[in-house]
Amino acid sequence: MNKKRSQENQDRQARLAAIQAQQRAGERKRNALIFGGIGAVILAIIIAVTIVIVNQVQDNRERDAQASQPIEGVQEYPDVTFEHVDGPVEYEQAPPVGGDHDPIWTNCGVYTEPLPNENSVHSLEHGAVWIAYNPDIGQAAIDTLTELVGTRSYVLLSPYPGLESPVAASAWGIQLEVDSADDPRLATFLTKYIQGEQTREPGAACSGGITPPGLAS
């Protein structure tokens, strides 16, 4: 009887050990699948982020290379004045690219209303680029320009009633007129002239001045 019970205990223990071994094997398999899946996801994320970074670096290099070359269609005005004055100023260019201007600059940003010339010229002196557009270009084109500006600092974007060309990009003493908001020269202009060599007062602020009506949120 004792031998029979002993054998039964041994059989139960053997079955229990086999079940536990199967459970452990199943757990190892599940863990392998889980961790393998997590690893695959992490690897995919790393690859995707790497591709984005590499593409961004390549895009930046291409923009820098383009900006190092002359931009077709750019007009230069090297002899503009730069005195601080009170009151309105008559400018030879529209939008102006420099000249006497108000002592207070326009805060950089995206505006939906026209900007004062005298204050915005002061922003150009600080290294800003002013992208002005004829209000008749349509909302789709305005959205394209807004996306182009993005979160860049030292940029003014605003409508300019009466502008002869659809879009004009201006820096201190420099201007480019284009027929379309999609013109790739606009991005190159921004890269080349935001705080570019033409800046009379590099490092000067483009905030802390005036904020005219129409600043987009």
Protein backbone atom coordinates (compact mmCIF):
# COMPACT_ATOMS: atom_id res chain seq x y z
CA MET A 1 0.00 0.00 0.00
CA ASN A 2 2.76 2.41 0.97
CA LYS A 3 4.62 1.62 -2.24
CA LYS A 4 1.45 2.31 -4.24
CA ARG A 5 0.92 5.65 -2.53
CA SER A 6 4.56 6.52 -2.98
CA GLN A 7 4.31 5.71 -6.67
CA GLU A 8 1.15 7.81 -6.99
CA ASN A 9 2.90 10.75 -5.31
CA GLN A 10 5.82 10.38 -7.63
CA ASP A 11 3.48 10.29 -10.63
CA ARG A 12 1.64 13.40 -9.43
CA GLN A 13 4.90 15.22 -8.86
CA ALA A 14 6.11 14.17 -12.28
CA ARG A 15 2.88 15.40 -13.90
CA LEU A 16 3.07 18.65 -11.90
CA ALA A 17 6.70 19.12 -12.91
CA ALA A 18 5.75 18.52 -16.56
CA ILE A 19 2.87 21.02 -16.33
CA GLN A 20 5.11 23.60 -14.67
CA ALA A 21 7.76 23.06 -17.33
CA GLN A 22 5.15 23.59 -20.04
CA GLN A 23 3.93 26.74 -18.30
CA ARG A 24 7.46 28.07 -18.00
CA ALA A 25 8.09 27.30 -21.65
CA GLY A 26 4.87 29.09 -22.61
CA GLU A 27 5.80 32.07 -20.48
CA ARG A 28 9.24 32.20 -22.07
CA LYS A 29 7.64 32.05 -25.49
CA ARG A 30 5.14 34.80 -24.64
CA ASN A 31 7.90 36.94 -23.14
CA ALA A 32 10.03 36.39 -26.21
CA LEU A 33 7.13 37.44 -28.43
CA ILE A 34 6.33 40.47 -26.27
CA PHE A 35 9.91 41.67 -25.94
CA GLY A 36 10.59 40.83 -29.57
CA GLY A 37 7.59 42.91 -30.60
CA ILE A 38 8.64 45.77 -28.34
CA GLY A 39 12.15 45.57 -29.74
CA ALA A 40 10.81 45.63 -33.29
CA VAL A 41 8.68 48.68 -32.50
CA ILE A 42 11.61 50.46 -30.86
CA LEU A 43 13.85 49.61 -33.82
CA ALA A 44 11.21 50.90 -36.25
CA ILE A 45 10.93 54.15 -34.26
CA ILE A 46 14.71 54.55 -34.20
CA ILE A 47 14.89 53.97 -37.96
CA ALA A 48 12.05 56.42 -38.63
CA VAL A 49 13.57 59.12 -36.41
CA THR A 50 16.98 58.57 -38.00
CA ILE A 51 15.49 58.95 -41.48
CA VAL A 52 13.76 62.18 -40.45
CA ILE A 53 16.96 63.57 -38.91
CA VAL A 54 19.08 62.59 -41.92
CA ASN A 55 16.54 64.12 -44.31
CA GLN A 56 16.40 67.30 -42.22
CA VAL A 57 20.18 67.57 -42.16
CA GLN A 58 20.28 67.04 -45.91
CA ASP A 59 17.56 69.64 -46.46
CA ASN A 60 19.44 72.12 -44.25
CA ARG A 61 22.66 71.51 -46.18
CA GLU A 62 20.86 72.01 -49.48
CA ARG A 63 19.27 75.25 -48.25
CA ASP A 64 22.60 76.49 -46.93
CA ALA A 65 24.26 75.62 -50.23
CA GLN A 66 21.56 77.47 -52.16
CA ALA A 67 21.76 80.44 -49.80
CA SER A 68 25.51 80.69 -50.35
CA GLN A 69 24.83 81.47 -54.01
CA PRO A 70 23.26 84.64 -55.46
CA ILE A 71 19.47 84.45 -55.59
CA GLU A 72 18.06 85.15 -59.02
CA GLY A 73 15.93 88.28 -59.13
CA VAL A 74 17.23 89.92 -55.95
CA GLN A 75 17.53 93.70 -56.14
CA GLU A 76 20.08 95.48 -53.95
CA TYR A 77 19.82 99.03 -52.61
CA PRO A 78 23.14 99.74 -50.91
CA ASP A 79 22.73 103.46 -50.18
CA VAL A 80 19.63 103.56 -47.96
CA THR A 81 19.74 105.94 -45.00
CA PHE A 82 19.23 104.85 -41.41
CA GLU A 83 18.37 107.81 -39.19
CA HIS A 84 15.76 107.58 -36.43
CA VAL A 85 12.95 110.04 -37.10
CA ASP A 86 9.48 110.82 -35.81
CA GLY A 87 6.50 110.87 -38.13
CA PRO A 88 5.83 109.39 -41.57
CA VAL A 89 8.60 108.74 -44.09
CA GLU A 90 8.35 108.57 -47.87
CA TYR A 91 10.15 105.51 -49.19
CA GLU A 92 11.35 104.82 -52.72
CA GLN A 93 10.42 101.14 -52.53
CA ALA A 94 7.12 99.57 -51.58
CA PRO A 95 7.55 97.75 -49.29
CA PRO A 96 10.60 99.70 -48.14
CA VAL A 97 13.95 97.97 -47.76
CA GLY A 98 15.55 100.55 -45.51
CA GLY A 99 15.84 104.27 -44.94
CA ASP A 100 15.06 106.60 -42.09
CA HIS A 101 12.68 104.97 -39.66
CA ASP A 102 10.85 105.15 -36.36
CA PRO A 103 12.93 104.70 -33.18
CA ILE A 104 10.72 101.72 -32.20
CA TRP A 105 10.63 98.54 -34.27
CA THR A 106 7.74 96.24 -35.13
CA ASN A 107 7.70 92.99 -33.17
CA CYS A 108 8.32 90.07 -35.50
CA GLY A 109 5.46 87.70 -36.20
CA VAL A 110 2.64 86.82 -38.58
CA TYR A 111 0.13 89.64 -39.08
CA THR A 112 -3.23 89.72 -40.82
CA GLU A 113 -3.32 93.51 -41.08
CA PRO A 114 -0.90 95.91 -42.82
CA LEU A 115 2.15 97.03 -40.84
CA PRO A 116 3.54 100.54 -40.41
CA ASN A 117 6.47 101.08 -42.76
CA GLU A 118 8.49 103.21 -40.39
CA ASN A 119 8.53 100.66 -37.55
CA SER A 120 8.97 97.64 -39.81
CA VAL A 121 12.02 99.17 -41.50
CA HIS A 122 13.58 99.32 -38.03
CA SER A 123 12.95 95.56 -37.75
CA LEU A 124 14.86 95.08 -41.01
CA GLU A 125 17.74 96.98 -39.48
CA HIS A 126 17.75 94.37 -36.69
CA GLY A 127 18.10 91.55 -39.21
CA ALA A 128 14.46 90.67 -39.84
CA VAL A 129 13.04 89.62 -43.20
CA TRP A 130 9.68 91.13 -44.14
CA ILE A 131 7.48 89.02 -46.42
CA ALA A 132 4.68 91.20 -47.73
CA TYR A 133 1.88 90.00 -49.97
CA ASN A 134 -0.88 91.52 -52.04
CA PRO A 135 -4.12 90.74 -50.16
CA ASP A 136 -5.69 89.56 -53.43
CA ILE A 137 -3.45 86.47 -53.70
CA GLY A 138 -6.05 84.34 -51.91
CA GLN A 139 -6.19 82.41 -48.67
CA ALA A 140 -4.44 79.32 -50.02
CA ALA A 141 -1.37 81.37 -50.94
CA ILE A 142 -1.48 83.17 -47.59
CA ASP A 143 -1.57 79.80 -45.83
CA THR A 144 1.47 78.71 -47.86
CA LEU A 145 3.39 81.79 -46.73
CA THR A 146 2.31 81.28 -43.12
CA GLU A 147 3.54 77.69 -43.24
CA LEU A 148 6.81 78.87 -44.80
CA VAL A 149 7.39 81.31 -41.96
CA GLY A 150 6.45 78.68 -39.38
CA THR A 151 8.12 79.31 -36.04
CA ARG A 152 11.05 81.24 -37.47
CA SER A 153 12.10 84.27 -35.49
CA TYR A 154 13.11 87.57 -37.10
CA VAL A 155 10.37 87.38 -39.75
CA LEU A 156 7.48 89.71 -40.46
CA LEU A 157 4.59 88.43 -42.58
CA SER A 158 1.78 90.81 -43.50
CA PRO A 159 -0.54 91.97 -46.26
CA TYR A 160 0.58 95.03 -48.20
CA PRO A 161 -2.29 96.68 -50.10
CA GLY A 162 -1.29 97.98 -53.51
CA LEU A 163 1.76 95.72 -53.79
CA GLU A 164 2.54 95.39 -57.50
CA SER A 165 3.84 91.81 -57.30
CA PRO A 166 1.97 89.01 -55.52
CA VAL A 167 4.74 88.60 -52.91
CA ALA A 168 7.82 90.62 -51.96
CA ALA A 169 10.53 89.54 -49.53
CA SER A 170 12.63 92.36 -48.08
CA ALA A 171 15.75 92.55 -45.94
CA TRP A 172 17.84 95.63 -45.18
CA GLY A 173 18.79 97.02 -48.60
CA ILE A 174 17.60 93.90 -50.43
CA GLN A 175 14.35 92.84 -52.07
CA LEU A 176 12.96 89.92 -54.06
CA GLU A 177 9.62 90.04 -55.85
CA VAL A 178 7.99 86.76 -56.90
CA ASP A 179 4.80 85.77 -58.66
CA SER A 180 3.84 82.88 -56.40
CA ALA A 181 3.83 81.97 -52.72
CA ASP A 182 5.26 78.59 -53.79
CA ASP A 183 8.41 80.14 -55.28
CA PRO A 184 11.35 78.21 -53.73
CA ARG A 185 13.47 81.36 -53.72
CA LEU A 186 11.46 82.63 -50.76
CA ALA A 187 12.78 79.87 -48.48
CA THR A 188 16.31 80.53 -49.73
CA PHE A 189 15.84 84.25 -49.09
CA LEU A 190 14.85 83.56 -45.50
CA THR A 191 17.83 81.27 -44.95
CA LYS A 192 20.25 83.76 -46.46
CA TYR A 193 19.02 87.03 -45.01
CA ILE A 194 17.51 86.38 -41.56
CA GLN A 195 20.22 87.93 -39.40
CA GLY A 196 22.36 87.87 -42.54
CA GLU A 197 25.43 89.83 -43.47
CA GLN A 198 23.31 92.81 -44.50
CA THR A 199 22.10 93.30 -40.90
CA ARG A 200 23.13 96.71 -39.58
CA GLU A 201 22.51 95.82 -35.94
CA PRO A 202 23.07 92.05 -35.57
CA GLY A 203 21.71 90.61 -32.36
CA ALA A 204 19.29 93.49 -31.79
CA ALA A 205 15.83 92.41 -30.67
CA CYS A 206 12.79 91.73 -32.82
CA SER A 207 10.53 91.76 -29.77
CA GLY A 208 9.90 94.37 -27.13
CA GLY A 209 8.88 96.93 -29.73
CA ILE A 210 5.35 97.63 -30.92
CA THR A 211 2.73 95.04 -31.80
CA PRO A 212 0.36 96.54 -34.38
CA PRO A 213 -3.19 95.17 -34.76
CA GLY A 214 -3.54 91.90 -36.61
CA LEU A 215 -0.93 89.74 -34.90
CA ALA A 216 -2.01 86.15 -35.55
CA SER A 217 -2.33 83.89 -32.52
